[in-house]
Amino acid sequence: MPPSALSVVVPAYNEARRLETSLPLIADVAADAGAEVIVVDDGSDDGTAEVAATHLAGLPGAKIIRLALNSGKGAAVRAGVTHARGGSIVFMDADLATDLGDLPALLDALETADVAIGSRVMEGATVDGATSTRARMGRTFNRMARLVTGLDLRDTQCGFKAFRAPVAQLLFHLGVVDGFAFDVEILALARRMGYRVAEVPVHWHAVEGSRVDVMRDPARMLRDVLLTQARWRRTRILAVLSALQGERAVDVLRANLRATDNVVPWSDGALALLPCSEVRVAASVVDRLRCREPDLRVTATAVSASTLLDPDGDEIRQALTA
């Protein structure tokens, strides 16, 4: 099946009841857009995966990923992004608290930005039914997150975000936060990498049965934000291809890699970053390239992904965001 223009990732933990209502709506939008839908069952015990399978039956490219244990919303979205094959990737909450009618505007923002995030506080946004406690919690957490990370975004927690696919896969490969604060980490990573982030006003309505515990989760989220930069030092290994021969190397790599892989001019050749891939995958790509392009000097290696975040990584960050 050819890659789709859009991948829609829906993290779901014990969301069987909500998916009965929301998934048919998501599937209809996806069918009209030729998009793939990926539901990630985050260790549910209420039949979430079975409900998803029922409503996604017959939808081309639909995937259901099941995590063995409840690992957190961040882990679920990361799993979905890893399996996404669309040119753009959007994730949204299973309760559809954000109006699906806002999706076109979110995707349109990717014409000039690398990341587009739904905002409930921008001019033009509407919020309906939020309790005063939840609204106050959200404002307080946002202020703390902005203070700690330096982000200048007014709403980091709306569960409605879109990415250019290579950007999403690289950011989620770098990310290590599994819980609710993963949004802040991903946006802080985007800022560190130099990616452009656009805020888009959305129409949001409160849905009963929120998974956020207003007494317990804010403290955990703040802890995750405070530890984020230290955790990046223990981040994952990144598979890399390095090829010489100037512009030709860039063209050859782009023609033989996934659309979600990052290929950038580098020194006298090209560097390809393969997030969400193991080094053995990079090695197999090298073997294939050597058969097709015997004159191309290409090698596979691995680097610590934190290398991209260090001061010495300025040159490669600039190449990625050019």
Protein backbone atom coordinates (compact mmCIF):
# COMPACT_ATOMS: atom_id res chain seq x y z
CA MET A 1 0.00 0.00 0.00
CA PRO A 2 1.45 3.46 -0.91
CA PRO A 3 2.15 5.86 1.95
CA SER A 4 -0.75 8.11 2.93
CA ALA A 5 -0.65 11.88 3.15
CA LEU A 6 -1.68 11.79 6.80
CA SER A 7 -1.39 9.51 9.82
CA VAL A 8 -3.82 9.98 12.71
CA VAL A 9 -2.58 8.56 16.03
CA VAL A 10 -5.13 7.97 18.81
CA PRO A 11 -3.71 6.92 22.21
CA ALA A 12 -6.29 4.98 24.21
CA TYR A 13 -6.28 3.58 27.73
CA ASN A 14 -9.57 1.93 28.72
CA GLU A 15 -11.39 4.00 26.12
CA ALA A 16 -13.75 1.34 24.73
CA ARG A 17 -16.86 3.38 25.58
CA ARG A 18 -15.57 6.64 24.14
CA LEU A 19 -14.21 5.00 21.00
CA GLU A 20 -17.69 3.67 20.21
CA THR A 21 -18.66 7.29 19.58
CA SER A 22 -15.45 8.99 18.47
CA LEU A 23 -13.81 6.39 16.24
CA PRO A 24 -16.56 6.32 13.56
CA LEU A 25 -16.15 10.10 13.26
CA ILE A 26 -12.36 9.82 13.02
CA ALA A 27 -12.64 6.98 10.50
CA ASP A 28 -14.99 9.02 8.30
CA VAL A 29 -12.58 11.97 8.24
CA ALA A 30 -9.65 9.64 7.56
CA ALA A 31 -11.46 7.90 4.70
CA ASP A 32 -12.24 11.23 3.04
CA ALA A 33 -8.62 12.36 3.44
CA GLY A 34 -7.02 9.05 2.46
CA ALA A 35 -5.38 8.97 5.89
CA GLU A 36 -4.29 6.03 8.00
CA VAL A 37 -5.61 5.72 11.55
CA ILE A 38 -3.43 4.20 14.27
CA VAL A 39 -5.06 3.37 17.59
CA VAL A 40 -2.58 2.58 20.35
CA ASP A 41 -4.12 0.49 23.13
CA ASP A 42 -2.06 1.45 26.18
CA GLY A 43 -2.48 -1.76 28.18
CA SER A 44 -6.28 -1.52 28.46
CA ASP A 45 -8.43 -4.19 30.11
CA ASP A 46 -11.86 -3.07 28.85
CA GLY A 47 -11.79 -4.28 25.25
CA THR A 48 -10.41 -1.06 23.76
CA ALA A 49 -8.51 -2.91 21.01
CA GLU A 50 -11.54 -4.98 20.07
CA VAL A 51 -13.75 -1.91 19.75
CA ALA A 52 -11.09 -0.22 17.64
CA ALA A 53 -10.85 -3.26 15.38
CA THR A 54 -14.60 -3.23 14.82
CA HIS A 55 -14.75 0.41 13.81
CA LEU A 56 -11.58 0.39 11.72
CA ALA A 57 -12.45 -2.73 9.76
CA GLY A 58 -12.23 -1.97 6.06
CA LEU A 59 -10.36 1.31 6.50
CA PRO A 60 -7.19 1.07 4.37
CA GLY A 61 -3.96 1.33 6.33
CA ALA A 62 -5.62 1.23 9.76
CA LYS A 63 -3.43 -0.17 12.53
CA ILE A 64 -4.06 -1.23 16.12
CA ILE A 65 -1.00 -1.37 18.33
CA ARG A 66 -1.28 -3.02 21.73
CA LEU A 67 1.16 -2.19 24.53
CA ALA A 68 1.51 -5.05 26.99
CA LEU A 69 1.37 -2.76 30.01
CA ASN A 70 -0.16 0.63 30.72
CA SER A 71 2.87 2.82 29.98
CA GLY A 72 1.47 6.34 29.76
CA LYS A 73 0.07 8.65 27.12
CA GLY A 74 3.53 9.73 25.96
CA ALA A 75 4.60 6.13 25.43
CA ALA A 76 1.40 5.40 23.50
CA VAL A 77 1.78 8.38 21.17
CA ARG A 78 5.46 7.50 20.64
CA ALA A 79 4.48 3.98 19.61
CA GLY A 80 1.94 5.36 17.16
CA VAL A 81 4.41 7.82 15.65
CA THR A 82 6.97 5.03 15.26
CA HIS A 83 4.52 3.05 13.09
CA ALA A 84 3.14 6.04 11.14
CA ARG A 85 3.87 6.27 7.43
CA GLY A 86 2.03 9.45 6.47
CA GLY A 87 3.68 12.62 5.26
CA SER A 88 2.11 14.44 8.22
CA ILE A 89 1.31 12.98 11.62
CA VAL A 90 -1.37 14.23 13.98
CA PHE A 91 -2.35 12.86 17.36
CA MET A 92 -5.67 13.48 19.05
CA ASP A 93 -7.39 12.33 22.22
CA ALA A 94 -9.85 9.45 22.09
CA ASP A 95 -12.58 11.61 23.63
CA LEU A 96 -12.47 14.12 20.74
CA ALA A 97 -12.60 17.02 23.17
CA THR A 98 -11.18 19.12 20.33
CA ASP A 99 -13.53 19.55 17.38
CA LEU A 100 -12.47 17.50 14.34
CA GLY A 101 -13.50 20.49 12.24
CA ASP A 102 -10.28 22.16 13.42
CA LEU A 103 -8.10 19.53 11.73
CA PRO A 104 -7.79 21.29 8.33
CA ALA A 105 -6.51 24.48 9.98
CA LEU A 106 -4.02 22.50 12.03
CA LEU A 107 -2.65 20.78 8.92
CA ASP A 108 -2.64 24.02 6.92
CA ALA A 109 -0.31 25.49 9.54
CA LEU A 110 2.30 22.89 8.55
CA GLU A 111 2.73 24.72 5.26
CA THR A 112 4.95 27.20 7.10
CA ALA A 113 5.70 25.39 10.38
CA ASP A 114 7.24 22.09 11.41
CA VAL A 115 4.83 21.56 14.33
CA ALA A 116 1.26 22.85 14.76
CA ILE A 117 -0.46 22.70 18.13
CA GLY A 118 -4.06 23.29 19.11
CA SER A 119 -4.53 26.19 21.50
CA ARG A 120 -7.51 26.79 23.76
CA VAL A 121 -6.40 30.27 24.81
CA MET A 122 -5.64 32.02 21.51
CA GLU A 123 -8.02 34.55 20.05
CA GLY A 124 -10.66 32.63 18.13
CA ALA A 125 -10.57 29.56 20.39
CA THR A 126 -13.61 28.45 22.37
CA VAL A 127 -13.76 26.36 25.55
CA ASP A 128 -16.95 24.84 26.86
CA GLY A 129 -17.64 23.00 30.09
CA ALA A 130 -14.21 23.12 31.76
CA THR A 131 -14.39 23.09 35.55
CA SER A 132 -12.72 25.93 37.42
CA THR A 133 -10.38 23.43 39.11
CA ARG A 134 -9.18 21.94 35.84
CA ALA A 135 -8.83 25.35 34.19
CA ARG A 136 -6.79 26.66 37.13
CA MET A 137 -4.62 23.53 37.11
CA GLY A 138 -3.94 23.96 33.40
CA ARG A 139 -2.96 27.61 33.74
CA THR A 140 -0.68 26.92 36.70
CA PHE A 141 1.06 24.02 34.98
CA ASN A 142 1.52 26.01 31.79
CA ARG A 143 3.14 28.87 33.70
CA MET A 144 5.51 26.47 35.45
CA ALA A 145 6.36 24.65 32.23
CA ARG A 146 7.11 27.94 30.47
CA LEU A 147 9.29 29.06 33.35
CA VAL A 148 11.32 25.84 33.41
CA THR A 149 11.68 25.28 29.67
CA GLY A 150 11.65 28.81 28.28
CA LEU A 151 8.77 27.93 25.95
CA ASP A 152 6.67 30.89 24.86
CA LEU A 153 3.61 28.77 23.98
CA ARG A 154 0.32 29.54 25.73
CA ASP A 155 -1.20 26.04 25.68
CA THR A 156 1.16 23.07 25.73
CA GLN A 157 -1.35 20.44 26.86
CA CYS A 158 -4.12 20.42 24.26
CA GLY A 159 -4.28 16.87 22.91
CA PHE A 160 -4.41 17.96 19.28
CA LYS A 161 -1.02 18.37 17.60
CA ALA A 162 0.35 17.90 14.10
CA PHE A 163 3.86 17.44 12.76
CA ARG A 164 5.67 17.04 9.51
CA ALA A 165 6.48 13.33 9.63
CA PRO A 166 10.32 13.54 9.70
CA VAL A 167 10.03 16.07 12.54
CA ALA A 168 7.61 13.90 14.54
CA GLN A 169 9.72 10.78 14.25
CA LEU A 170 12.92 12.55 15.26
CA LEU A 171 11.33 14.39 18.20
CA PHE A 172 9.59 11.30 19.56
CA HIS A 173 12.76 9.27 19.12
CA LEU A 174 14.58 11.83 21.27
CA GLY A 175 11.77 12.03 23.83
CA VAL A 176 11.89 10.01 27.04
CA VAL A 177 8.81 11.18 29.01
CA ASP A 178 6.03 8.58 29.04
CA GLY A 179 3.43 10.43 31.10
CA PHE A 180 1.17 13.45 30.57
CA ALA A 181 4.10 15.90 30.47
CA PHE A 182 5.35 14.40 27.20
CA ASP A 183 3.80 17.34 25.28
CA VAL A 184 6.04 19.80 27.08
CA GLU A 185 9.11 17.67 26.45
CA ILE A 186 8.36 17.31 22.72
CA LEU A 187 7.79 21.05 22.37
CA ALA A 188 10.96 21.82 24.34
CA LEU A 189 12.87 19.46 22.04
CA ALA A 190 11.36 21.19 19.01
CA ARG A 191 12.56 24.52 20.39
CA ARG A 192 16.05 23.15 21.04
CA MET A 193 16.23 21.74 17.52
CA GLY A 194 15.10 25.04 16.01
CA TYR A 195 11.83 23.74 14.55
CA ARG A 196 9.05 26.23 13.86
CA VAL A 197 5.96 25.78 16.08
CA ALA A 198 2.59 27.32 15.20
CA GLU A 199 -0.35 27.70 17.58
CA VAL A 200 -3.82 27.25 16.08
CA PRO A 201 -7.04 28.24 17.90
CA VAL A 202 -9.40 25.31 18.42
CA HIS A 203 -12.91 24.62 19.65
CA TRP A 204 -12.71 22.49 22.79
CA HIS A 205 -15.40 21.04 25.03
CA ALA A 206 -14.93 19.19 28.30
CA VAL A 207 -15.71 15.47 28.27
CA GLU A 208 -16.57 13.62 31.47
CA GLY A 209 -14.16 10.98 32.74
CA SER A 210 -10.82 12.76 32.25
CA ARG A 211 -7.78 10.53 32.86
CA VAL A 212 -5.97 13.41 34.59
CA ASP A 213 -6.02 13.18 38.38
CA VAL A 214 -6.13 16.81 39.49
CA MET A 215 -4.60 15.96 42.88
CA ARG A 216 -1.81 13.60 41.80
CA ASP A 217 -0.85 14.19 38.17
CA PRO A 218 0.22 17.88 38.23
CA ALA A 219 3.06 17.08 40.66
CA ARG A 220 4.19 14.16 38.51
CA MET A 221 4.02 16.29 35.38
CA LEU A 222 6.07 19.06 36.96
CA ARG A 223 8.65 16.52 38.11
CA ASP A 224 8.93 15.18 34.56
CA VAL A 225 9.40 18.68 33.17
CA LEU A 226 12.12 19.46 35.72
CA LEU A 227 13.97 16.21 34.91
CA THR A 228 13.56 16.40 31.15
CA GLN A 229 16.89 17.96 30.22
CA ALA A 230 18.83 15.63 32.54
CA ARG A 231 17.04 12.65 30.98
CA TRP A 232 18.08 13.71 27.47
CA ARG A 233 21.63 12.80 28.47
CA ARG A 234 20.51 9.17 28.75
CA THR A 235 18.57 9.22 25.53
CA ARG A 236 18.37 6.63 22.78
CA ILE A 237 20.86 5.62 20.12
CA LEU A 238 20.19 7.06 16.69
CA ALA A 239 20.92 5.10 13.52
CA VAL A 240 22.78 7.18 10.91
CA LEU A 241 23.85 6.80 7.30
CA SER A 242 26.76 8.84 6.01
CA ALA A 243 27.34 9.12 2.26
CA LEU A 244 29.95 11.04 0.29
CA GLN A 245 29.77 12.60 -3.19
CA GLY A 246 27.95 15.85 -2.61
CA GLU A 247 24.51 16.62 -3.96
CA ARG A 248 24.26 13.24 -5.66
CA ALA A 249 24.47 11.54 -2.26
CA VAL A 250 21.53 13.62 -1.01
CA ASP A 251 19.42 12.64 -4.04
CA VAL A 252 20.31 8.94 -3.81
CA LEU A 253 19.54 8.71 -0.11
CA ARG A 254 16.23 10.51 -0.45
CA ALA A 255 15.21 8.21 -3.28
CA ASN A 256 15.97 5.07 -1.27
CA LEU A 257 14.81 5.96 2.25
CA ARG A 258 11.41 6.46 3.86
CA ALA A 259 9.75 9.83 3.62
CA THR A 260 9.99 10.03 7.42
CA ASP A 261 13.79 9.78 7.43
CA ASN A 262 15.78 13.01 7.64
CA VAL A 263 18.33 13.50 4.84
CA VAL A 264 20.45 16.65 4.95
CA PRO A 265 23.53 17.92 3.10
CA TRP A 266 26.52 17.36 5.30
CA SER A 267 30.18 18.27 4.60
CA ASP A 268 30.96 16.89 1.14
CA GLY A 269 28.04 14.49 1.12
CA ALA A 270 24.87 13.74 3.02
CA LEU A 271 23.80 12.55 6.44
CA ALA A 272 20.63 10.56 6.94
CA LEU A 273 19.09 10.27 10.40
CA LEU A 274 16.90 7.20 10.81
CA PRO A 275 14.76 7.71 13.93
CA CYS A 276 12.68 4.77 15.12
CA SER A 277 15.11 2.38 13.39
CA GLU A 278 17.78 0.06 14.74
CA VAL A 279 21.36 0.15 13.49
CA ARG A 280 20.87 -3.25 11.84
CA VAL A 281 18.16 -1.64 9.70
CA ALA A 282 20.64 1.04 8.63
CA ALA A 283 23.15 -1.68 7.80
CA SER A 284 20.63 -3.44 5.58
CA VAL A 285 19.94 -0.15 3.79
CA VAL A 286 23.67 0.22 3.15
CA ASP A 287 23.80 -3.26 1.61
CA ARG A 288 20.89 -2.40 -0.66
CA LEU A 289 22.43 0.92 -1.68
CA ARG A 290 25.77 -0.67 -2.48
CA CYS A 291 24.04 -3.08 -4.86
CA ARG A 292 22.12 -0.29 -6.58
CA GLU A 293 24.84 2.37 -6.47
CA PRO A 294 28.27 0.65 -6.41
CA ASP A 295 30.11 3.98 -6.68
CA LEU A 296 28.37 5.56 -3.69
CA ARG A 297 30.50 5.57 -0.56
CA VAL A 298 27.99 5.02 2.22
CA THR A 299 28.35 3.71 5.77
CA ALA A 300 26.03 2.94 8.66
CA THR A 301 26.77 3.91 12.22
CA ALA A 302 25.12 4.90 15.48
CA VAL A 303 25.38 8.01 17.59
CA SER A 304 23.87 9.09 20.87
CA ALA A 305 20.76 11.06 20.01
CA SER A 306 21.78 13.59 22.66
CA THR A 307 24.54 14.64 20.25
CA LEU A 308 21.89 16.58 18.34
CA LEU A 309 21.05 18.58 21.46
CA ASP A 310 24.57 19.56 22.53
CA PRO A 311 26.09 22.95 21.62
CA ASP A 312 28.36 21.15 19.15
CA GLY A 313 25.27 20.06 17.24
CA ASP A 314 24.47 23.56 15.93
CA GLU A 315 25.53 22.75 12.38
CA ILE A 316 23.38 19.65 12.02
CA ARG A 317 20.39 21.34 13.69
CA GLN A 318 20.64 24.18 11.20
CA ALA A 319 20.79 21.68 8.34
CA LEU A 320 17.70 19.88 9.64
CA THR A 321 15.65 23.06 9.93
CA ALA A 322 16.83 24.78 6.73
